[in-house]
Amino acid sequence: YLSALRQRLVSRCRRCGGRGFARGNLGRIESCRCLLEFRLLARLHEGGVPRAYQRASLGDYLYRRQNPTSFALVLAYVAALDQNLVDGAGLYFAGKHGVGKSLLVCAVLREAASRGRSVVYRSLNTVLAEMADREFSGESQKTLLEVDLLAIDELDKIYRTKAGVSEVMFDRLIRHRYGARRAVLVASNSSRAHLAGLHGSAIESLFAEMLTDVPLVGKDFRKRHL
């Protein structure tokens, strides 16, 4: 994928002739826009951002008029992104299917990646599966624990075990990131008020301090033309 992406973005670029570098306004040789875009998309791809959302921007969001207050919160978060990452502040996107939660999450991830920050996007079940596999194999879980901005989608979909292993691992992950002031973005069909029933009161309490609620409404965009 990355090889084909570089071929399409860089090798065919008319501005730099496929070299990846061009002369800037002040006459200095600098990275061409095509190379910068390739590096950004590669960083997002390696972080697990779905290809459909790797070019997502806040301007792509369809339901700005239906969600003016929530959209303003996202704009403000991105405007103060560097400080928010220092503070470990995140966002909790809640709404039914198809209202743009994942698009907004990935737009924020793209902005963070464009500033050189490390980003990871995962569904909750994927996060838990990775943590379980790495614990069993003895591999480091540093990526999920220490990445600058971790996005967890489908928070309301969680497999459970009789021993409660998934709940323990999720609690460990969130507590570590809370203590280390590492920011988290969350997307869920359920509001934060329902977290206690899904993940326990401790997670609800941590998220109350870590995350700002971003409730979203609108018609499922996948069905708008049906």
C-alpha atoms as a PDB file:
ATOM      1  CA  TYR A   1       0.000   0.000   0.000  1.00  0.00           C
ATOM      2  CA  LEU A   2       2.683   2.513   0.997  1.00  0.00           C
ATOM      3  CA  SER A   3       4.718   1.754  -2.103  1.00  0.00           C
ATOM      4  CA  ALA A   4       1.701   2.355  -4.339  1.00  0.00           C
ATOM      5  CA  LEU A   5       0.831   5.483  -2.377  1.00  0.00           C
ATOM      6  CA  ARG A   6       4.303   6.930  -2.851  1.00  0.00           C
ATOM      7  CA  GLN A   7       4.136   6.113  -6.544  1.00  0.00           C
ATOM      8  CA  ARG A   8       0.831   7.950  -6.880  1.00  0.00           C
ATOM      9  CA  LEU A   9       1.686  10.988  -4.748  1.00  0.00           C
ATOM     10  CA  VAL A  10       5.406  11.547  -5.222  1.00  0.00           C
ATOM     11  CA  SER A  11       6.593   9.829  -8.373  1.00  0.00           C
ATOM     12  CA  ARG A  12       3.901  11.517 -10.476  1.00  0.00           C
ATOM     13  CA  CYS A  13       4.222  14.960  -8.911  1.00  0.00           C
ATOM     14  CA  ARG A  14       4.788  17.643 -11.560  1.00  0.00           C
ATOM     15  CA  ARG A  15       6.018  20.235  -9.090  1.00  0.00           C
ATOM     16  CA  CYS A  16       9.083  18.272  -8.008  1.00  0.00           C
ATOM     17  CA  GLY A  17       9.330  15.839 -10.912  1.00  0.00           C
ATOM     18  CA  GLY A  18       9.070  12.858  -8.583  1.00  0.00           C
ATOM     19  CA  ARG A  19      12.112  13.818  -6.528  1.00  0.00           C
ATOM     20  CA  GLY A  20      10.169  14.756  -3.398  1.00  0.00           C
ATOM     21  CA  PHE A  21      12.022  18.061  -3.040  1.00  0.00           C
ATOM     22  CA  ALA A  22      11.479  21.426  -4.699  1.00  0.00           C
ATOM     23  CA  ARG A  23      12.697  25.016  -4.495  1.00  0.00           C
ATOM     24  CA  GLY A  24      10.647  27.111  -2.073  1.00  0.00           C
ATOM     25  CA  ASN A  25       9.650  30.783  -2.143  1.00  0.00           C
ATOM     26  CA  LEU A  26      12.971  31.903  -0.690  1.00  0.00           C
ATOM     27  CA  GLY A  27      14.939  29.798  -3.133  1.00  0.00           C
ATOM     28  CA  ARG A  28      15.762  27.103  -0.602  1.00  0.00           C
ATOM     29  CA  ILE A  29      15.363  23.411  -1.356  1.00  0.00           C
ATOM     30  CA  GLU A  30      12.620  21.963   0.815  1.00  0.00           C
ATOM     31  CA  SER A  31      10.354  18.953   0.973  1.00  0.00           C
ATOM     32  CA  CYS A  32       7.680  19.060  -1.693  1.00  0.00           C
ATOM     33  CA  ARG A  33       4.023  19.067  -0.659  1.00  0.00           C
ATOM     34  CA  CYS A  34       3.646  15.614  -2.215  1.00  0.00           C
ATOM     35  CA  LEU A  35       6.330  14.154   0.046  1.00  0.00           C
ATOM     36  CA  LEU A  36       4.885  15.823   3.144  1.00  0.00           C
ATOM     37  CA  GLU A  37       1.444  14.402   2.329  1.00  0.00           C
ATOM     38  CA  PHE A  38       2.923  10.948   1.746  1.00  0.00           C
ATOM     39  CA  ARG A  39       4.740  11.032   5.081  1.00  0.00           C
ATOM     40  CA  LEU A  40       1.559  12.140   6.847  1.00  0.00           C
ATOM     41  CA  LEU A  41      -0.592   9.431   5.259  1.00  0.00           C
ATOM     42  CA  ALA A  42       2.087   6.832   6.018  1.00  0.00           C
ATOM     43  CA  ARG A  43       2.107   7.906   9.686  1.00  0.00           C
ATOM     44  CA  LEU A  44      -1.675   7.610   9.852  1.00  0.00           C
ATOM     45  CA  HIS A  45      -1.639   4.237   8.097  1.00  0.00           C
ATOM     46  CA  GLU A  46       0.958   2.885  10.519  1.00  0.00           C
ATOM     47  CA  GLY A  47      -1.190   4.176  13.385  1.00  0.00           C
ATOM     48  CA  GLY A  48      -4.136   2.115  12.192  1.00  0.00           C
ATOM     49  CA  VAL A  49      -6.278   4.959  10.856  1.00  0.00           C
ATOM     50  CA  PRO A  50      -8.681   3.472   8.264  1.00  0.00           C
ATOM     51  CA  ARG A  51      -7.812   4.415   4.706  1.00  0.00           C
ATOM     52  CA  ALA A  52     -11.287   5.891   4.214  1.00  0.00           C
ATOM     53  CA  TYR A  53     -10.522   8.472   6.912  1.00  0.00           C
ATOM     54  CA  GLN A  54      -6.833   9.202   6.383  1.00  0.00           C
ATOM     55  CA  ARG A  55      -7.616  12.403   4.468  1.00  0.00           C
ATOM     56  CA  ALA A  56     -10.482  13.421   6.774  1.00  0.00           C
ATOM     57  CA  SER A  57     -10.687  17.068   7.784  1.00  0.00           C
ATOM     58  CA  LEU A  58     -13.077  18.986   9.994  1.00  0.00           C
ATOM     59  CA  GLY A  59     -14.359  20.690   6.856  1.00  0.00           C
ATOM     60  CA  ASP A  60     -15.685  17.322   5.672  1.00  0.00           C
ATOM     61  CA  TYR A  61     -18.103  17.020   8.572  1.00  0.00           C
ATOM     62  CA  LEU A  62     -21.685  16.972   7.256  1.00  0.00           C
ATOM     63  CA  TYR A  63     -23.629  17.814  10.404  1.00  0.00           C
ATOM     64  CA  ARG A  64     -22.122  21.106  11.526  1.00  0.00           C
ATOM     65  CA  ARG A  65     -25.488  22.880  11.480  1.00  0.00           C
ATOM     66  CA  GLN A  66     -27.166  20.153  13.531  1.00  0.00           C
ATOM     67  CA  ASN A  67     -24.320  20.148  16.074  1.00  0.00           C
ATOM     68  CA  PRO A  68     -23.031  23.740  16.328  1.00  0.00           C
ATOM     69  CA  THR A  69     -21.995  23.551  19.981  1.00  0.00           C
ATOM     70  CA  SER A  70     -20.295  20.171  19.661  1.00  0.00           C
ATOM     71  CA  PHE A  71     -18.531  21.160  16.462  1.00  0.00           C
ATOM     72  CA  ALA A  72     -17.275  24.329  18.158  1.00  0.00           C
ATOM     73  CA  LEU A  73     -15.837  22.162  20.949  1.00  0.00           C
ATOM     74  CA  VAL A  74     -13.880  20.128  18.404  1.00  0.00           C
ATOM     75  CA  LEU A  75     -12.589  23.269  16.672  1.00  0.00           C
ATOM     76  CA  ALA A  76     -11.487  24.690  20.025  1.00  0.00           C
ATOM     77  CA  TYR A  77      -9.799  21.409  20.933  1.00  0.00           C
ATOM     78  CA  VAL A  78      -7.790  21.398  17.695  1.00  0.00           C
ATOM     79  CA  ALA A  79      -6.918  25.088  18.068  1.00  0.00           C
ATOM     80  CA  ALA A  80      -5.374  24.296  21.465  1.00  0.00           C
ATOM     81  CA  LEU A  81      -4.182  20.828  20.479  1.00  0.00           C
ATOM     82  CA  ASP A  82      -0.585  21.156  21.653  1.00  0.00           C
ATOM     83  CA  GLN A  83      -1.651  22.264  25.135  1.00  0.00           C
ATOM     84  CA  ASN A  84      -4.379  19.628  25.270  1.00  0.00           C
ATOM     85  CA  LEU A  85      -1.810  16.921  24.569  1.00  0.00           C
ATOM     86  CA  VAL A  86       0.413  18.295  27.320  1.00  0.00           C
ATOM     87  CA  ASP A  87      -2.544  18.262  29.721  1.00  0.00           C
ATOM     88  CA  GLY A  88      -3.780  14.826  28.643  1.00  0.00           C
ATOM     89  CA  ALA A  89      -7.158  16.283  27.684  1.00  0.00           C
ATOM     90  CA  GLY A  90      -9.352  14.355  25.256  1.00  0.00           C
ATOM     91  CA  LEU A  91     -12.831  14.176  23.755  1.00  0.00           C
ATOM     92  CA  TYR A  92     -15.771  11.793  24.116  1.00  0.00           C
ATOM     93  CA  PHE A  93     -17.814  11.578  20.902  1.00  0.00           C
ATOM     94  CA  ALA A  94     -21.263  10.064  21.459  1.00  0.00           C
ATOM     95  CA  GLY A  95     -24.039   9.487  18.965  1.00  0.00           C
ATOM     96  CA  LYS A  96     -25.828   6.860  16.932  1.00  0.00           C
ATOM     97  CA  HIS A  97     -24.373   5.161  13.861  1.00  0.00           C
ATOM     98  CA  GLY A  98     -23.519   7.352  10.899  1.00  0.00           C
ATOM     99  CA  VAL A  99     -23.377  10.792  12.536  1.00  0.00           C
ATOM    100  CA  GLY A 100     -19.666  11.303  11.836  1.00  0.00           C
ATOM    101  CA  LYS A 101     -17.993  10.233  15.078  1.00  0.00           C
ATOM    102  CA  SER A 102     -15.181   8.323  13.373  1.00  0.00           C
ATOM    103  CA  LEU A 103     -14.622  11.064  10.803  1.00  0.00           C
ATOM    104  CA  LEU A 104     -14.183  13.697  13.504  1.00  0.00           C
ATOM    105  CA  VAL A 105     -11.889  11.437  15.523  1.00  0.00           C
ATOM    106  CA  CYS A 106      -9.694  10.783  12.492  1.00  0.00           C
ATOM    107  CA  ALA A 107      -9.670  14.461  11.513  1.00  0.00           C
ATOM    108  CA  VAL A 108      -8.251  15.275  14.951  1.00  0.00           C
ATOM    109  CA  LEU A 109      -5.710  12.448  14.598  1.00  0.00           C
ATOM    110  CA  ARG A 110      -4.628  13.805  11.201  1.00  0.00           C
ATOM    111  CA  GLU A 111      -4.112  17.258  12.689  1.00  0.00           C
ATOM    112  CA  ALA A 112      -2.012  15.784  15.509  1.00  0.00           C
ATOM    113  CA  ALA A 113       0.029  13.678  13.067  1.00  0.00           C
ATOM    114  CA  SER A 114       0.633  16.725  10.854  1.00  0.00           C
ATOM    115  CA  ARG A 115       2.294  18.330  13.876  1.00  0.00           C
ATOM    116  CA  GLY A 116       4.634  15.377  14.291  1.00  0.00           C
ATOM    117  CA  ARG A 117       2.705  13.679  17.080  1.00  0.00           C
ATOM    118  CA  SER A 118       2.361   9.903  17.260  1.00  0.00           C
ATOM    119  CA  VAL A 119      -1.209   8.644  16.850  1.00  0.00           C
ATOM    120  CA  VAL A 120      -3.008   5.306  17.106  1.00  0.00           C
ATOM    121  CA  TYR A 121      -6.584   4.430  16.123  1.00  0.00           C
ATOM    122  CA  ARG A 122      -8.197   1.197  17.338  1.00  0.00           C
ATOM    123  CA  SER A 123     -11.591  -0.245  18.123  1.00  0.00           C
ATOM    124  CA  LEU A 124     -11.903  -1.211  21.775  1.00  0.00           C
ATOM    125  CA  ASN A 125     -11.949  -4.931  21.029  1.00  0.00           C
ATOM    126  CA  THR A 126      -8.758  -4.563  18.964  1.00  0.00           C
ATOM    127  CA  VAL A 127      -7.085  -2.701  21.824  1.00  0.00           C
ATOM    128  CA  LEU A 128      -7.990  -5.455  24.275  1.00  0.00           C
ATOM    129  CA  ALA A 129      -6.916  -8.223  21.885  1.00  0.00           C
ATOM    130  CA  GLU A 130      -3.537  -6.529  21.343  1.00  0.00           C
ATOM    131  CA  MET A 131      -2.980  -6.074  25.047  1.00  0.00           C
ATOM    132  CA  ALA A 132      -3.889  -9.711  25.756  1.00  0.00           C
ATOM    133  CA  ASP A 133      -1.603 -11.010  22.985  1.00  0.00           C
ATOM    134  CA  ARG A 134       1.309  -8.881  24.111  1.00  0.00           C
ATOM    135  CA  GLU A 135       0.853  -9.818  27.749  1.00  0.00           C
ATOM    136  CA  PHE A 136       0.778 -13.500  26.850  1.00  0.00           C
ATOM    137  CA  SER A 137       3.853 -13.216  24.610  1.00  0.00           C
ATOM    138  CA  GLY A 138       5.748 -10.854  26.895  1.00  0.00           C
ATOM    139  CA  GLU A 139       5.940  -8.161  24.207  1.00  0.00           C
ATOM    140  CA  SER A 140       5.992  -4.485  25.131  1.00  0.00           C
ATOM    141  CA  GLN A 141       2.677  -2.616  25.258  1.00  0.00           C
ATOM    142  CA  LYS A 142       4.463   0.732  25.017  1.00  0.00           C
ATOM    143  CA  THR A 143       2.693   1.834  21.836  1.00  0.00           C
ATOM    144  CA  LEU A 144      -0.777   1.829  23.356  1.00  0.00           C
ATOM    145  CA  LEU A 145       0.449   3.174  26.675  1.00  0.00           C
ATOM    146  CA  GLU A 146       2.736   5.940  25.468  1.00  0.00           C
ATOM    147  CA  VAL A 147       1.453   7.101  22.069  1.00  0.00           C
ATOM    148  CA  ASP A 148       0.765  10.857  22.104  1.00  0.00           C
ATOM    149  CA  LEU A 149      -2.883  10.506  21.069  1.00  0.00           C
ATOM    150  CA  LEU A 150      -4.844   7.255  21.312  1.00  0.00           C
ATOM    151  CA  ALA A 151      -8.279   7.002  19.675  1.00  0.00           C
ATOM    152  CA  ILE A 152     -10.604   4.223  20.831  1.00  0.00           C
ATOM    153  CA  ASP A 153     -13.655   3.637  18.667  1.00  0.00           C
ATOM    154  CA  GLU A 154     -16.732   1.489  19.398  1.00  0.00           C
ATOM    155  CA  LEU A 155     -16.337   1.846  23.147  1.00  0.00           C
ATOM    156  CA  ASP A 156     -19.721   0.256  23.758  1.00  0.00           C
ATOM    157  CA  LYS A 157     -18.719  -2.970  21.988  1.00  0.00           C
ATOM    158  CA  ILE A 158     -16.631  -5.075  24.353  1.00  0.00           C
ATOM    159  CA  TYR A 159     -16.140  -8.805  24.676  1.00  0.00           C
ATOM    160  CA  ARG A 160     -16.190 -10.086  28.222  1.00  0.00           C
ATOM    161  CA  THR A 161     -14.505 -13.059  29.826  1.00  0.00           C
ATOM    162  CA  LYS A 162     -15.495 -14.993  32.923  1.00  0.00           C
ATOM    163  CA  ALA A 163     -12.267 -13.966  34.595  1.00  0.00           C
ATOM    164  CA  GLY A 164     -12.859 -10.298  33.758  1.00  0.00           C
ATOM    165  CA  VAL A 165      -9.514 -10.031  31.931  1.00  0.00           C
ATOM    166  CA  SER A 166     -10.787  -7.520  29.374  1.00  0.00           C
ATOM    167  CA  GLU A 167     -12.132  -5.217  32.073  1.00  0.00           C
ATOM    168  CA  VAL A 168      -8.851  -5.355  34.002  1.00  0.00           C
ATOM    169  CA  MET A 169      -6.772  -4.574  30.907  1.00  0.00           C
ATOM    170  CA  PHE A 170      -8.962  -1.660  29.881  1.00  0.00           C
ATOM    171  CA  ASP A 171      -8.828  -0.256  33.408  1.00  0.00           C
ATOM    172  CA  ARG A 172      -5.027  -0.606  33.401  1.00  0.00           C
ATOM    173  CA  LEU A 173      -4.722   1.187  30.055  1.00  0.00           C
ATOM    174  CA  ILE A 174      -6.898   4.133  31.040  1.00  0.00           C
ATOM    175  CA  ARG A 175      -5.319   4.497  34.476  1.00  0.00           C
ATOM    176  CA  HIS A 176      -1.841   4.507  32.958  1.00  0.00           C
ATOM    177  CA  ARG A 177      -2.715   7.135  30.367  1.00  0.00           C
ATOM    178  CA  TYR A 178      -4.487   9.222  33.004  1.00  0.00           C
ATOM    179  CA  GLY A 179      -1.473   9.125  35.289  1.00  0.00           C
ATOM    180  CA  ALA A 180       0.952   9.879  32.449  1.00  0.00           C
ATOM    181  CA  ARG A 181      -1.247  12.690  31.089  1.00  0.00           C
ATOM    182  CA  ARG A 182      -1.635  10.947  27.730  1.00  0.00           C
ATOM    183  CA  ALA A 183      -4.671  12.098  25.765  1.00  0.00           C
ATOM    184  CA  VAL A 184      -7.456   9.807  24.591  1.00  0.00           C
ATOM    185  CA  LEU A 185     -10.207  10.277  22.023  1.00  0.00           C
ATOM    186  CA  VAL A 186     -13.249   8.054  22.459  1.00  0.00           C
ATOM    187  CA  ALA A 187     -16.192   7.319  20.157  1.00  0.00           C
ATOM    188  CA  SER A 188     -19.266   5.448  21.322  1.00  0.00           C
ATOM    189  CA  ASN A 189     -22.933   4.936  20.533  1.00  0.00           C
ATOM    190  CA  SER A 190     -23.590   5.392  24.260  1.00  0.00           C
ATOM    191  CA  SER A 191     -23.215   8.622  26.213  1.00  0.00           C
ATOM    192  CA  ARG A 192     -20.647   8.907  28.987  1.00  0.00           C
ATOM    193  CA  ALA A 193     -23.510   8.680  31.493  1.00  0.00           C
ATOM    194  CA  HIS A 194     -23.903   5.001  30.547  1.00  0.00           C
ATOM    195  CA  LEU A 195     -20.233   4.129  31.081  1.00  0.00           C
ATOM    196  CA  ALA A 196     -20.674   2.861  34.612  1.00  0.00           C
ATOM    197  CA  GLY A 197     -22.952   0.107  33.362  1.00  0.00           C
ATOM    198  CA  LEU A 198     -20.504  -0.861  30.633  1.00  0.00           C
ATOM    199  CA  HIS A 199     -17.084  -0.398  32.216  1.00  0.00           C
ATOM    200  CA  GLY A 200     -17.602   0.425  35.878  1.00  0.00           C
ATOM    201  CA  SER A 201     -17.708   3.594  37.933  1.00  0.00           C
ATOM    202  CA  ALA A 202     -13.892   3.956  38.036  1.00  0.00           C
ATOM    203  CA  ILE A 203     -13.638   4.393  34.253  1.00  0.00           C
ATOM    204  CA  GLU A 204     -16.578   6.788  34.303  1.00  0.00           C
ATOM    205  CA  SER A 205     -14.810   8.875  36.957  1.00  0.00           C
ATOM    206  CA  LEU A 206     -11.498   8.960  35.060  1.00  0.00           C
ATOM    207  CA  PHE A 207     -13.197   9.905  31.809  1.00  0.00           C
ATOM    208  CA  ALA A 208     -15.139  12.671  33.583  1.00  0.00           C
ATOM    209  CA  GLU A 209     -11.797  14.393  34.234  1.00  0.00           C
ATOM    210  CA  MET A 210      -9.975  13.366  31.050  1.00  0.00           C
ATOM    211  CA  LEU A 211     -12.630  13.918  28.389  1.00  0.00           C
ATOM    212  CA  THR A 212     -14.971  16.640  27.207  1.00  0.00           C
ATOM    213  CA  ASP A 213     -18.353  15.359  25.990  1.00  0.00           C
ATOM    214  CA  VAL A 214     -19.116  15.888  22.292  1.00  0.00           C
ATOM    215  CA  PRO A 215     -22.719  14.705  21.732  1.00  0.00           C
ATOM    216  CA  LEU A 216     -23.685  14.351  18.068  1.00  0.00           C
ATOM    217  CA  VAL A 217     -27.040  14.047  16.344  1.00  0.00           C
ATOM    218  CA  GLY A 218     -28.106  13.571  12.748  1.00  0.00           C
ATOM    219  CA  LYS A 219     -29.365  11.039  10.264  1.00  0.00           C
ATOM    220  CA  ASP A 220     -27.135   8.084   9.380  1.00  0.00           C
ATOM    221  CA  PHE A 221     -25.143   9.506   6.450  1.00  0.00           C
ATOM    222  CA  ARG A 222     -24.876   6.029   4.938  1.00  0.00           C
ATOM    223  CA  LYS A 223     -28.670   5.983   4.526  1.00  0.00           C
ATOM    224  CA  ARG A 224     -29.234   9.604   3.505  1.00  0.00           C
ATOM    225  CA  HIS A 225     -29.646   8.742  -0.166  1.00  0.00           C
ATOM    226  CA  LEU A 226     -31.685   5.570   0.289  1.00  0.00           C
END
